[in-house]
Amino acid sequence: MGTYGSLEAAGPVLDALGDPTRRVILETLRSGGPCSVGVLAEHVPVSRPAISQHLKVLGAVGLVRHESRGTRNIYRVHQAGLDELRSWLDRFWGDALDAYADHVRRTEEERK
């Protein structure tokens, strides 16, 4: 996935998360831990093949990983992918805090 230096780099991840089914899948994996497509199918109202396709997209952008166990794949959240996404999003929070601090400084200067 790589470090998000720009919106273009984060775009595929944001596009992947733009689908509500993918968000449900990611949240199910986050809250319930690693599981198979069959278990995910109990929580998502789409077919198993559709879930597999959504997992493929989430895997391609680095948010989900899988390991083979016999004939099944077990999927889990890839924490490093989420950490990179969070780091990218945290910049917005940092910008908001900086703007607030600037506003407070200007307000205090105007009062003097």
Protein backbone atom coordinates (compact mmCIF):
# COMPACT_ATOMS: atom_id res chain seq x y z
CA MET A 1 0.00 0.00 0.00
CA GLY A 2 2.82 2.43 0.76
CA THR A 3 2.85 5.67 2.67
CA TYR A 4 0.11 8.08 1.68
CA GLY A 5 1.92 11.13 0.37
CA SER A 6 -1.10 12.48 -1.45
CA LEU A 7 -4.77 11.94 -2.12
CA GLU A 8 -3.85 9.97 -5.23
CA ALA A 9 -2.02 7.43 -3.07
CA ALA A 10 -4.92 7.16 -0.60
CA GLY A 11 -7.53 7.14 -3.36
CA PRO A 12 -7.71 3.36 -3.90
CA VAL A 13 -8.15 2.73 -0.16
CA LEU A 14 -10.84 5.38 0.12
CA ASP A 15 -12.53 3.99 -3.00
CA ALA A 16 -12.49 0.50 -1.49
CA LEU A 17 -14.03 1.79 1.74
CA GLY A 18 -16.65 3.72 -0.22
CA ASP A 19 -18.63 0.51 -0.64
CA PRO A 20 -20.93 -0.19 2.33
CA THR A 21 -20.56 -3.95 1.97
CA ARG A 22 -16.78 -3.66 2.25
CA ARG A 23 -17.12 -1.50 5.34
CA VAL A 24 -19.36 -4.16 6.94
CA ILE A 25 -16.85 -6.87 6.02
CA LEU A 26 -13.96 -4.87 7.47
CA GLU A 27 -15.90 -4.07 10.65
CA THR A 28 -16.91 -7.72 11.04
CA LEU A 29 -13.28 -8.79 10.76
CA ARG A 30 -12.22 -6.05 13.16
CA SER A 31 -14.76 -6.86 15.83
CA GLY A 32 -15.03 -10.62 15.38
CA GLY A 33 -11.48 -11.52 14.47
CA PRO A 34 -10.19 -13.72 11.67
CA CYS A 35 -12.80 -15.78 9.84
CA SER A 36 -13.72 -17.50 6.60
CA VAL A 37 -15.99 -16.32 3.81
CA GLY A 38 -18.69 -18.62 5.20
CA VAL A 39 -18.66 -16.87 8.56
CA LEU A 40 -18.65 -13.46 6.89
CA ALA A 41 -21.67 -14.55 4.83
CA GLU A 42 -23.62 -14.84 8.09
CA HIS A 43 -23.14 -11.09 8.66
CA VAL A 44 -23.33 -9.69 5.14
CA PRO A 45 -26.45 -10.05 2.97
CA VAL A 46 -24.61 -10.93 -0.24
CA SER A 47 -23.47 -14.20 -1.79
CA ARG A 48 -20.21 -15.90 -0.86
CA PRO A 49 -18.73 -15.20 -4.31
CA ALA A 50 -19.58 -11.51 -3.86
CA ILE A 51 -17.92 -11.50 -0.43
CA SER A 52 -14.84 -13.10 -1.98
CA GLN A 53 -14.70 -10.33 -4.58
CA HIS A 54 -15.02 -7.65 -1.89
CA LEU A 55 -12.24 -9.33 0.09
CA LYS A 56 -10.08 -9.33 -3.02
CA VAL A 57 -10.52 -5.55 -3.32
CA LEU A 58 -9.80 -5.00 0.39
CA GLY A 59 -6.73 -7.21 0.07
CA ALA A 60 -5.48 -5.37 -3.00
CA VAL A 61 -5.39 -2.07 -1.08
CA GLY A 62 -3.74 -3.66 1.95
CA LEU A 63 -6.57 -3.61 4.46
CA VAL A 64 -7.14 -7.38 4.63
CA ARG A 65 -4.82 -10.39 4.57
CA HIS A 66 -5.59 -14.08 4.37
CA GLU A 67 -3.96 -17.39 5.12
CA SER A 68 -4.88 -20.75 3.67
CA ARG A 69 -6.06 -23.45 6.03
CA GLY A 70 -6.78 -26.57 4.05
CA THR A 71 -9.37 -25.66 1.44
CA ARG A 72 -10.43 -22.46 3.21
CA ASN A 73 -8.96 -19.00 3.43
CA ILE A 74 -9.07 -17.24 6.77
CA TYR A 75 -9.27 -13.46 6.46
CA ARG A 76 -8.10 -10.89 8.97
CA VAL A 77 -7.65 -7.15 9.17
CA HIS A 78 -4.13 -6.12 8.15
CA GLN A 79 -3.23 -3.72 10.94
CA ALA A 80 -0.37 -2.09 9.03
CA GLY A 81 -2.81 -1.08 6.29
CA LEU A 82 -5.16 0.47 8.82
CA ASP A 83 -2.25 2.22 10.52
CA GLU A 84 -1.23 3.84 7.23
CA LEU A 85 -4.81 4.93 6.57
CA ARG A 86 -5.09 6.36 10.07
CA SER A 87 -1.80 8.22 9.67
CA TRP A 88 -3.09 9.78 6.46
CA LEU A 89 -6.40 10.75 8.10
CA ASP A 90 -4.65 12.08 11.22
CA ARG A 91 -3.10 14.81 9.10
CA PHE A 92 -6.56 16.31 8.71
CA TRP A 93 -6.98 16.33 12.48
CA GLY A 94 -3.55 17.94 12.85
CA ASP A 95 -4.52 20.62 10.33
CA ALA A 96 -7.76 21.28 12.23
CA LEU A 97 -5.89 21.61 15.54
CA ASP A 98 -3.34 23.95 13.97
CA ALA A 99 -6.12 26.13 12.54
CA TYR A 100 -7.83 26.22 15.95
CA ALA A 101 -4.57 27.22 17.66
CA ASP A 102 -4.08 30.00 15.10
CA HIS A 103 -7.62 31.22 15.71
CA VAL A 104 -7.07 31.27 19.49
CA ARG A 105 -3.81 33.22 19.06
CA ARG A 106 -5.47 35.77 16.75
CA THR A 107 -8.42 36.14 19.13
CA GLU A 108 -6.11 36.73 22.11
CA GLU A 109 -4.09 39.29 20.16
CA GLU A 110 -7.26 41.14 19.16
CA ARG A 111 -8.34 41.35 22.81
CA LYS A 112 -5.07 43.01 23.84
